[in-house]
Amino acid sequence: MVYVTAMPHPTVRHMRKTTFVCYTCHQTRSYMLSSLMADAYAAVSGRDAKVIAENAPDQSLPLPMKPA
């Protein structure tokens, strides 16, 4: 399992949704970890410990289209 990212929990400020991927079986797993544990996994993986901001736009939603 390889660390991918950590996003803040919407209601519990000291927890993060931390996502890992297994490239062998092509599955992802998400765990709720404390911010310290999420930072530790980020440090060990060599990735930046950047957290996606809570007020960032949801990347899964399509952007609104401008009328022509």
PDB file of N, CA and C in Angstrom:
ATOM      1  N   MET A   1       0.853  -1.171   0.000  1.00  0.00           N
ATOM      2  CA  MET A   1       0.000   0.000   0.000  1.00  0.00           C
ATOM      3  C   MET A   1       0.899   1.233   0.000  1.00  0.00           C
ATOM      4  N   VAL A   2       0.554   2.181  -0.848  1.00  0.00           N
ATOM      5  CA  VAL A   2       1.326   3.406  -0.992  1.00  0.00           C
ATOM      6  C   VAL A   2       0.439   4.584  -0.617  1.00  0.00           C
ATOM      7  N   TYR A   3       0.977   5.486   0.194  1.00  0.00           N
ATOM      8  CA  TYR A   3       0.244   6.690   0.593  1.00  0.00           C
ATOM      9  C   TYR A   3      -0.051   7.539  -0.638  1.00  0.00           C
ATOM     10  N   VAL A   4      -1.295   8.075  -0.726  1.00  0.00           N
ATOM     11  CA  VAL A   4      -1.673   8.925  -1.842  1.00  0.00           C
ATOM     12  C   VAL A   4      -1.948  10.350  -1.378  1.00  0.00           C
ATOM     13  N   THR A   5      -2.908  10.517  -0.468  1.00  0.00           N
ATOM     14  CA  THR A   5      -3.287  11.862  -0.053  1.00  0.00           C
ATOM     15  C   THR A   5      -3.989  11.836   1.290  1.00  0.00           C
ATOM     16  N   ALA A   6      -4.131  13.022   1.895  1.00  0.00           N
ATOM     17  CA  ALA A   6      -4.887  13.173   3.137  1.00  0.00           C
ATOM     18  C   ALA A   6      -5.769  14.408   2.999  1.00  0.00           C
ATOM     19  N   MET A   7      -7.043  14.254   3.316  1.00  0.00           N
ATOM     20  CA  MET A   7      -7.998  15.361   3.251  1.00  0.00           C
ATOM     21  C   MET A   7      -8.607  15.562   4.630  1.00  0.00           C
ATOM     22  N   PRO A   8      -8.904  16.808   5.000  1.00  0.00           N
ATOM     23  CA  PRO A   8      -9.480  17.042   6.329  1.00  0.00           C
ATOM     24  C   PRO A   8     -10.861  16.423   6.464  1.00  0.00           C
ATOM     25  N   HIS A   9     -11.156  15.948   7.652  1.00  0.00           N
ATOM     26  CA  HIS A   9     -12.481  15.426   7.958  1.00  0.00           C
ATOM     27  C   HIS A   9     -13.431  16.621   8.065  1.00  0.00           C
ATOM     28  N   PRO A  10     -14.647  16.535   7.534  1.00  0.00           N
ATOM     29  CA  PRO A  10     -15.547  17.699   7.529  1.00  0.00           C
ATOM     30  C   PRO A  10     -16.003  18.167   8.910  1.00  0.00           C
ATOM     31  N   THR A  11     -16.055  17.276   9.893  1.00  0.00           N
ATOM     32  CA  THR A  11     -16.543  17.692  11.212  1.00  0.00           C
ATOM     33  C   THR A  11     -15.520  17.535  12.325  1.00  0.00           C
ATOM     34  N   VAL A  12     -14.613  16.586  12.195  1.00  0.00           N
ATOM     35  CA  VAL A  12     -13.613  16.351  13.231  1.00  0.00           C
ATOM     36  C   VAL A  12     -12.284  16.930  12.745  1.00  0.00           C
ATOM     37  N   ARG A  13     -11.939  18.106  13.226  1.00  0.00           N
ATOM     38  CA  ARG A  13     -10.804  18.874  12.700  1.00  0.00           C
ATOM     39  C   ARG A  13      -9.449  18.187  12.848  1.00  0.00           C
ATOM     40  N   HIS A  14      -9.267  17.345  13.873  1.00  0.00           N
ATOM     41  CA  HIS A  14      -7.958  16.740  14.088  1.00  0.00           C
ATOM     42  C   HIS A  14      -7.786  15.406  13.358  1.00  0.00           C
ATOM     43  N   MET A  15      -8.784  15.009  12.561  1.00  0.00           N
ATOM     44  CA  MET A  15      -8.702  13.759  11.807  1.00  0.00           C
ATOM     45  C   MET A  15      -8.605  14.059  10.316  1.00  0.00           C
ATOM     46  N   ARG A  16      -8.002  13.116   9.581  1.00  0.00           N
ATOM     47  CA  ARG A  16      -7.897  13.255   8.124  1.00  0.00           C
ATOM     48  C   ARG A  16      -8.277  11.950   7.440  1.00  0.00           C
ATOM     49  N   LYS A  17      -8.960  12.079   6.317  1.00  0.00           N
ATOM     50  CA  LYS A  17      -9.246  10.918   5.475  1.00  0.00           C
ATOM     51  C   LYS A  17      -7.978  10.664   4.661  1.00  0.00           C
ATOM     52  N   THR A  18      -7.284   9.592   4.992  1.00  0.00           N
ATOM     53  CA  THR A  18      -5.996   9.291   4.390  1.00  0.00           C
ATOM     54  C   THR A  18      -6.182   8.126   3.419  1.00  0.00           C
ATOM     55  N   THR A  19      -5.772   8.329   2.181  1.00  0.00           N
ATOM     56  CA  THR A  19      -6.002   7.342   1.124  1.00  0.00           C
ATOM     57  C   THR A  19      -4.685   6.687   0.723  1.00  0.00           C
ATOM     58  N   PHE A  20      -4.753   5.374   0.555  1.00  0.00           N
ATOM     59  CA  PHE A  20      -3.615   4.568   0.113  1.00  0.00           C
ATOM     60  C   PHE A  20      -4.055   3.781  -1.125  1.00  0.00           C
ATOM     61  N   VAL A  21      -3.093   3.412  -1.975  1.00  0.00           N
ATOM     62  CA  VAL A  21      -3.394   2.606  -3.158  1.00  0.00           C
ATOM     63  C   VAL A  21      -2.468   1.392  -3.173  1.00  0.00           C
ATOM     64  N   CYS A  22      -3.033   0.278  -3.632  1.00  0.00           N
ATOM     65  CA  CYS A  22      -2.259  -0.941  -3.849  1.00  0.00           C
ATOM     66  C   CYS A  22      -2.149  -1.118  -5.362  1.00  0.00           C
ATOM     67  N   TYR A  23      -0.946  -0.946  -5.894  1.00  0.00           N
ATOM     68  CA  TYR A  23      -0.773  -1.047  -7.344  1.00  0.00           C
ATOM     69  C   TYR A  23      -0.836  -2.486  -7.830  1.00  0.00           C
ATOM     70  N   THR A  24      -0.612  -3.450  -6.943  1.00  0.00           N
ATOM     71  CA  THR A  24      -0.673  -4.855  -7.327  1.00  0.00           C
ATOM     72  C   THR A  24      -2.112  -5.282  -7.617  1.00  0.00           C
ATOM     73  N   CYS A  25      -3.036  -4.918  -6.707  1.00  0.00           N
ATOM     74  CA  CYS A  25      -4.431  -5.350  -6.869  1.00  0.00           C
ATOM     75  C   CYS A  25      -5.344  -4.223  -7.378  1.00  0.00           C
ATOM     76  N   HIS A  26      -4.788  -3.041  -7.651  1.00  0.00           N
ATOM     77  CA  HIS A  26      -5.539  -1.905  -8.208  1.00  0.00           C
ATOM     78  C   HIS A  26      -6.719  -1.504  -7.337  1.00  0.00           C
ATOM     79  N   GLN A  27      -6.482  -1.410  -6.026  1.00  0.00           N
ATOM     80  CA  GLN A  27      -7.524  -0.986  -5.098  1.00  0.00           C
ATOM     81  C   GLN A  27      -7.014   0.165  -4.249  1.00  0.00           C
ATOM     82  N   THR A  28      -7.947   1.007  -3.838  1.00  0.00           N
ATOM     83  CA  THR A  28      -7.600   2.063  -2.891  1.00  0.00           C
ATOM     84  C   THR A  28      -8.296   1.777  -1.566  1.00  0.00           C
ATOM     85  N   ARG A  29      -7.687   2.246  -0.506  1.00  0.00           N
ATOM     86  CA  ARG A  29      -8.255   2.133   0.837  1.00  0.00           C
ATOM     87  C   ARG A  29      -8.151   3.494   1.495  1.00  0.00           C
ATOM     88  N   SER A  30      -9.206   3.884   2.201  1.00  0.00           N
ATOM     89  CA  SER A  30      -9.207   5.148   2.927  1.00  0.00           C
ATOM     90  C   SER A  30      -9.403   4.861   4.411  1.00  0.00           C
ATOM     91  N   TYR A  31      -8.636   5.563   5.214  1.00  0.00           N
ATOM     92  CA  TYR A  31      -8.696   5.408   6.666  1.00  0.00           C
ATOM     93  C   TYR A  31      -8.803   6.783   7.309  1.00  0.00           C
ATOM     94  N   MET A  32      -9.507   6.856   8.415  1.00  0.00           N
ATOM     95  CA  MET A  32      -9.556   8.084   9.201  1.00  0.00           C
ATOM     96  C   MET A  32      -8.400   8.024  10.196  1.00  0.00           C
ATOM     97  N   LEU A  33      -7.430   8.910  10.019  1.00  0.00           N
ATOM     98  CA  LEU A  33      -6.255   8.945  10.883  1.00  0.00           C
ATOM     99  C   LEU A  33      -6.119  10.323  11.509  1.00  0.00           C
ATOM    100  N   SER A  34      -5.432  10.389  12.627  1.00  0.00           N
ATOM    101  CA  SER A  34      -5.141  11.691  13.217  1.00  0.00           C
ATOM    102  C   SER A  34      -4.218  12.450  12.263  1.00  0.00           C
ATOM    103  N   SER A  35      -4.197  13.767  12.385  1.00  0.00           N
ATOM    104  CA  SER A  35      -3.354  14.569  11.495  1.00  0.00           C
ATOM    105  C   SER A  35      -1.877  14.211  11.678  1.00  0.00           C
ATOM    106  N   LEU A  36      -1.469  13.852  12.894  1.00  0.00           N
ATOM    107  CA  LEU A  36      -0.074  13.463  13.125  1.00  0.00           C
ATOM    108  C   LEU A  36       0.276  12.176  12.381  1.00  0.00           C
ATOM    109  N   MET A  37      -0.625  11.193  12.404  1.00  0.00           N
ATOM    110  CA  MET A  37      -0.370   9.938  11.684  1.00  0.00           C
ATOM    111  C   MET A  37      -0.360  10.165  10.175  1.00  0.00           C
ATOM    112  N   ALA A  38      -1.291  10.992   9.676  1.00  0.00           N
ATOM    113  CA  ALA A  38      -1.329  11.291   8.245  1.00  0.00           C
ATOM    114  C   ALA A  38      -0.035  11.973   7.817  1.00  0.00           C
ATOM    115  N   ASP A  39       0.468  12.913   8.636  1.00  0.00           N
ATOM    116  CA  ASP A  39       1.734  13.582   8.331  1.00  0.00           C
ATOM    117  C   ASP A  39       2.899  12.593   8.359  1.00  0.00           C
ATOM    118  N   ALA A  40       2.865  11.636   9.287  1.00  0.00           N
ATOM    119  CA  ALA A  40       3.925  10.631   9.377  1.00  0.00           C
ATOM    120  C   ALA A  40       3.957   9.756   8.123  1.00  0.00           C
ATOM    121  N   TYR A  41       2.797   9.316   7.652  1.00  0.00           N
ATOM    122  CA  TYR A  41       2.754   8.520   6.419  1.00  0.00           C
ATOM    123  C   TYR A  41       3.240   9.341   5.232  1.00  0.00           C
ATOM    124  N   ALA A  42       2.886  10.612   5.184  1.00  0.00           N
ATOM    125  CA  ALA A  42       3.344  11.471   4.087  1.00  0.00           C
ATOM    126  C   ALA A  42       4.862  11.620   4.126  1.00  0.00           C
ATOM    127  N   ALA A  43       5.434  11.781   5.315  1.00  0.00           N
ATOM    128  CA  ALA A  43       6.882  11.941   5.449  1.00  0.00           C
ATOM    129  C   ALA A  43       7.617  10.665   5.034  1.00  0.00           C
ATOM    130  N   VAL A  44       7.105   9.518   5.449  1.00  0.00           N
ATOM    131  CA  VAL A  44       7.746   8.246   5.115  1.00  0.00           C
ATOM    132  C   VAL A  44       7.651   7.968   3.617  1.00  0.00           C
ATOM    133  N   SER A  45       6.556   8.372   2.996  1.00  0.00           N
ATOM    134  CA  SER A  45       6.363   8.099   1.568  1.00  0.00           C
ATOM    135  C   SER A  45       7.192   9.021   0.693  1.00  0.00           C
ATOM    136  N   GLY A  46       7.692  10.119   1.269  1.00  0.00           N
ATOM    137  CA  GLY A  46       8.467  11.070   0.480  1.00  0.00           C
ATOM    138  C   GLY A  46       7.612  12.082  -0.247  1.00  0.00           C
ATOM    139  N   ARG A  47       6.316  12.048  -0.021  1.00  0.00           N
ATOM    140  CA  ARG A  47       5.421  13.019  -0.648  1.00  0.00           C
ATOM    141  C   ARG A  47       5.261  14.220   0.268  1.00  0.00           C
ATOM    142  N   ASP A  48       4.849  15.338  -0.318  1.00  0.00           N
ATOM    143  CA  ASP A  48       4.570  16.523   0.491  1.00  0.00           C
ATOM    144  C   ASP A  48       3.379  16.251   1.384  1.00  0.00           C
ATOM    145  N   ALA A  49       3.382  16.828   2.569  1.00  0.00           N
ATOM    146  CA  ALA A  49       2.282  16.636   3.513  1.00  0.00           C
ATOM    147  C   ALA A  49       1.210  17.692   3.308  1.00  0.00           C
ATOM    148  N   LYS A  50       0.929  18.007   2.066  1.00  0.00           N
ATOM    149  CA  LYS A  50      -0.095  19.004   1.771  1.00  0.00           C
ATOM    150  C   LYS A  50      -1.471  18.395   1.965  1.00  0.00           C
ATOM    151  N   VAL A  51      -2.345  19.162   2.562  1.00  0.00           N
ATOM    152  CA  VAL A  51      -3.712  18.717   2.791  1.00  0.00           C
ATOM    153  C   VAL A  51      -4.616  19.547   1.913  1.00  0.00           C
ATOM    154  N   ILE A  52      -5.578  18.902   1.287  1.00  0.00           N
ATOM    155  CA  ILE A  52      -6.537  19.621   0.456  1.00  0.00           C
ATOM    156  C   ILE A  52      -7.409  20.462   1.363  1.00  0.00           C
ATOM    157  N   ALA A  53      -7.522  21.738   1.061  1.00  0.00           N
ATOM    158  CA  ALA A  53      -8.286  22.653   1.907  1.00  0.00           C
ATOM    159  C   ALA A  53      -9.761  22.286   1.914  1.00  0.00           C
ATOM    160  N   GLU A  54     -10.408  22.525   3.048  1.00  0.00           N
ATOM    161  CA  GLU A  54     -11.829  22.201   3.175  1.00  0.00           C
ATOM    162  C   GLU A  54     -12.687  23.013   2.223  1.00  0.00           C
ATOM    163  N   ASN A  55     -12.294  24.257   1.966  1.00  0.00           N
ATOM    164  CA  ASN A  55     -13.120  25.117   1.130  1.00  0.00           C
ATOM    165  C   ASN A  55     -12.740  25.037  -0.344  1.00  0.00           C
ATOM    166  N   ALA A  56     -11.881  24.100  -0.697  1.00  0.00           N
ATOM    167  CA  ALA A  56     -11.541  23.916  -2.105  1.00  0.00           C
ATOM    168  C   ALA A  56     -12.743  23.334  -2.836  1.00  0.00           C
ATOM    169  N   PRO A  57     -12.927  23.718  -4.092  1.00  0.00           N
ATOM    170  CA  PRO A  57     -14.070  23.168  -4.832  1.00  0.00           C
ATOM    171  C   PRO A  57     -13.948  21.663  -4.985  1.00  0.00           C
ATOM    172  N   ASP A  58     -15.068  20.984  -4.963  1.00  0.00           N
ATOM    173  CA  ASP A  58     -15.096  19.533  -5.100  1.00  0.00           C
ATOM    174  C   ASP A  58     -14.662  19.160  -6.515  1.00  0.00           C
ATOM    175  N   GLN A  59     -13.581  18.390  -6.631  1.00  0.00           N
ATOM    176  CA  GLN A  59     -13.039  18.038  -7.937  1.00  0.00           C
ATOM    177  C   GLN A  59     -13.895  16.996  -8.650  1.00  0.00           C
ATOM    178  N   SER A  60     -14.808  16.335  -7.939  1.00  0.00           N
ATOM    179  CA  SER A  60     -15.620  15.310  -8.573  1.00  0.00           C
ATOM    180  C   SER A  60     -16.848  15.892  -9.295  1.00  0.00           C
ATOM    181  N   LEU A  61     -17.154  17.149  -9.015  1.00  0.00           N
ATOM    182  CA  LEU A  61     -18.311  17.771  -9.651  1.00  0.00           C
ATOM    183  C   LEU A  61     -17.886  18.473 -10.930  1.00  0.00           C
ATOM    184  N   PRO A  62     -18.704  18.397 -11.983  1.00  0.00           N
ATOM    185  CA  PRO A  62     -18.348  19.101 -13.232  1.00  0.00           C
ATOM    186  C   PRO A  62     -18.470  20.612 -13.030  1.00  0.00           C
ATOM    187  N   LEU A  63     -17.630  21.329 -13.739  1.00  0.00           N
ATOM    188  CA  LEU A  63     -17.686  22.783 -13.666  1.00  0.00           C
ATOM    189  C   LEU A  63     -18.924  23.281 -14.408  1.00  0.00           C
ATOM    190  N   PRO A  64     -19.553  24.349 -13.923  1.00  0.00           N
ATOM    191  CA  PRO A  64     -20.733  24.866 -14.615  1.00  0.00           C
ATOM    192  C   PRO A  64     -20.334  25.425 -15.986  1.00  0.00           C
ATOM    193  N   MET A  65     -21.210  25.210 -16.943  1.00  0.00           N
ATOM    194  CA  MET A  65     -20.973  25.698 -18.307  1.00  0.00           C
ATOM    195  C   MET A  65     -21.503  27.115 -18.438  1.00  0.00           C
ATOM    196  N   LYS A  66     -20.768  27.958 -19.160  1.00  0.00           N
ATOM    197  CA  LYS A  66     -21.233  29.316 -19.438  1.00  0.00           C
ATOM    198  C   LYS A  66     -22.198  29.266 -20.621  1.00  0.00           C
ATOM    199  N   PRO A  67     -23.285  30.048 -20.541  1.00  0.00           N
ATOM    200  CA  PRO A  67     -24.194  30.058 -21.689  1.00  0.00           C
ATOM    201  C   PRO A  67     -23.514  30.631 -22.919  1.00  0.00           C
ATOM    202  N   ALA A  68     -23.853  30.091 -24.067  1.00  0.00           N
ATOM    203  CA  ALA A  68     -23.236  30.524 -25.317  1.00  0.00           C
ATOM    204  C   ALA A  68     -23.802  31.802 -25.842  1.00  0.00           C
TER     205      ALA A  68
END
